[in-house]
Protein backbone atom coordinates (compact mmCIF):
# COMPACT_ATOMS: atom_id res chain seq x y z
CA MET A 1 30.16 36.55 -19.47
CA GLY A 2 33.08 34.39 -18.24
CA ARG A 3 33.39 36.40 -15.05
CA ALA A 4 29.67 35.98 -14.23
CA PHE A 5 29.97 32.22 -14.76
CA LEU A 6 33.03 32.07 -12.48
CA TYR A 7 31.24 34.03 -9.72
CA ALA A 8 28.15 31.83 -10.02
CA PHE A 9 30.31 28.71 -9.81
CA LEU A 10 32.14 30.01 -6.71
CA LEU A 11 28.85 30.91 -5.05
CA ALA A 12 27.43 27.45 -5.76
CA LEU A 13 30.59 25.83 -4.39
CA ALA A 14 30.47 27.94 -1.23
CA LEU A 15 26.80 27.04 -0.64
CA PHE A 16 27.60 23.37 -1.12
CA VAL A 17 30.43 23.49 1.43
CA LEU A 18 28.30 25.37 3.97
CA GLY A 19 25.40 22.96 3.48
CA ALA A 20 27.64 19.91 3.86
CA THR A 21 29.18 21.35 7.02
CA TYR A 22 25.73 22.03 8.49
CA VAL A 23 24.53 18.47 7.85
CA LEU A 24 27.74 16.82 9.08
CA ASP A 25 27.70 18.85 12.29
CA GLY A 26 24.21 17.55 13.04
CA GLY A 27 22.38 20.78 12.23
CA ALA A 28 19.87 18.91 10.12
CA SER A 29 18.01 15.98 11.57
CA SER A 30 20.48 13.47 10.29
CA GLY A 31 18.99 10.78 12.48
CA ALA A 32 22.34 9.97 14.08
CA ALA A 33 21.94 10.11 17.83
CA THR A 34 24.93 10.47 20.14
CA ALA A 35 25.15 7.72 22.75
CA VAL A 36 25.55 9.41 26.13
CA SER A 37 25.01 8.37 29.74
CA VAL A 38 22.35 9.81 32.03
CA HIS A 39 25.25 10.94 34.22
CA ASP A 40 26.84 13.01 31.43
CA LEU A 41 23.48 14.51 30.45
CA SER A 42 22.89 15.51 34.07
CA VAL A 43 26.30 17.01 34.87
CA SER A 44 27.07 18.63 31.48
CA PRO A 45 23.70 19.49 29.92
CA GLU A 46 25.09 22.41 27.91
CA ASP A 47 27.30 19.98 25.95
CA TYR A 48 24.25 18.14 24.58
CA ASN A 49 21.59 20.87 24.41
CA GLY A 50 19.54 20.57 21.21
CA ARG A 51 21.32 17.41 20.05
CA GLN A 52 19.87 14.02 19.21
CA VAL A 53 20.94 11.64 21.98
CA ARG A 54 20.45 8.03 22.99
CA THR A 55 20.69 7.10 26.64
CA GLU A 56 20.00 3.99 28.69
CA GLY A 57 18.60 3.53 32.16
CA THR A 58 15.55 2.41 34.12
CA MET A 59 12.19 3.97 33.25
CA ARG A 60 10.55 5.34 36.38
CA ARG A 61 7.04 6.71 36.81
CA LEU A 62 6.76 9.64 39.22
CA ASP A 63 3.48 11.06 40.45
CA GLU A 64 4.59 14.34 42.04
CA PRO A 65 3.62 17.04 41.21
CA GLU A 66 1.83 15.18 38.41
CA GLU A 67 2.46 11.95 36.53
CA HIS A 68 5.67 12.05 34.51
CA PHE A 69 8.44 9.64 33.56
CA VAL A 70 12.21 9.70 33.88
CA VAL A 71 15.02 7.52 32.64
CA ALA A 72 17.29 6.95 35.65
CA ALA A 73 20.79 5.58 36.18
CA ASP A 74 23.41 5.94 38.91
CA GLY A 75 21.10 8.00 41.12
CA LEU A 76 20.46 10.61 38.41
CA ALA A 77 17.49 11.06 36.08
CA VAL A 78 16.36 12.82 32.92
CA VAL A 79 12.67 13.59 32.28
CA VAL A 80 11.11 11.91 29.22
CA ARG A 81 8.78 14.31 27.38
CA ASP A 82 6.54 14.23 24.32
CA TYR A 83 5.96 10.48 24.38
CA PRO A 84 2.55 8.91 25.09
CA ALA A 85 2.21 8.16 28.82
CA ARG A 86 0.20 5.02 28.08
CA ASP A 87 3.22 3.64 26.20
CA LEU A 88 5.69 4.67 28.91
CA ARG A 89 3.62 3.01 31.66
CA ARG A 90 4.37 -0.44 30.24
CA PHE A 91 8.12 0.23 30.65
CA ASP A 92 7.84 1.29 34.33
CA GLU A 93 10.81 -0.08 36.33
CA GLN A 94 12.31 -1.72 33.22
CA PRO A 95 15.66 -1.02 31.55
CA VAL A 96 15.16 1.05 28.38
CA ALA A 97 16.95 3.03 25.71
CA VAL A 98 15.53 6.49 25.02
CA THR A 99 16.34 8.42 21.85
CA GLY A 100 15.35 12.02 21.15
CA ARG A 101 16.30 15.68 21.32
CA PHE A 102 17.96 16.63 24.60
CA GLY A 103 17.40 19.92 26.36
CA PHE A 104 17.36 21.66 29.71
CA ASP A 105 15.50 24.54 31.29
CA GLU A 106 14.75 25.93 34.74
CA ASP A 107 12.92 22.70 35.63
CA GLY A 108 15.86 20.44 34.77
CA THR A 109 17.02 18.13 32.01
CA PHE A 110 14.73 16.38 29.52
CA ILE A 111 14.60 14.32 26.35
CA GLU A 112 11.86 14.96 23.80
CA ALA A 113 11.60 11.25 23.07
CA VAL A 114 11.22 9.85 19.58
CA THR A 115 11.76 6.19 20.54
CA VAL A 116 11.71 4.25 23.77
CA THR A 117 12.74 0.61 23.49
CA PRO A 118 13.24 -2.09 26.12
CA LEU A 119 16.76 -3.40 26.68
CA ASP A 120 17.17 -7.14 26.63
């Protein structure tokens, strides 16, 4: 009986440590976004892939090949996805902060935006 209790306790402790490590490493949506420049996202996308990020730059509307938006700084840009275009249009050519999940694929770098806010 004592041995079973000890094993159960050790298992519970191990699960707690693993769970805490997962959350602290950002595996769960902890809401804490890493502040990172558009430059760093563009030149080292693998370092931020799948992470919550916050970046700042100028919102730009592009029409080719179809309407889409990017946050641009220092001659580089990251596509802003999954955010209503009607809301992004009002930020065109304005400085903004974009927060969301960063990723990259064969088309380039992108942020699946959760918030877009104007910078004062």
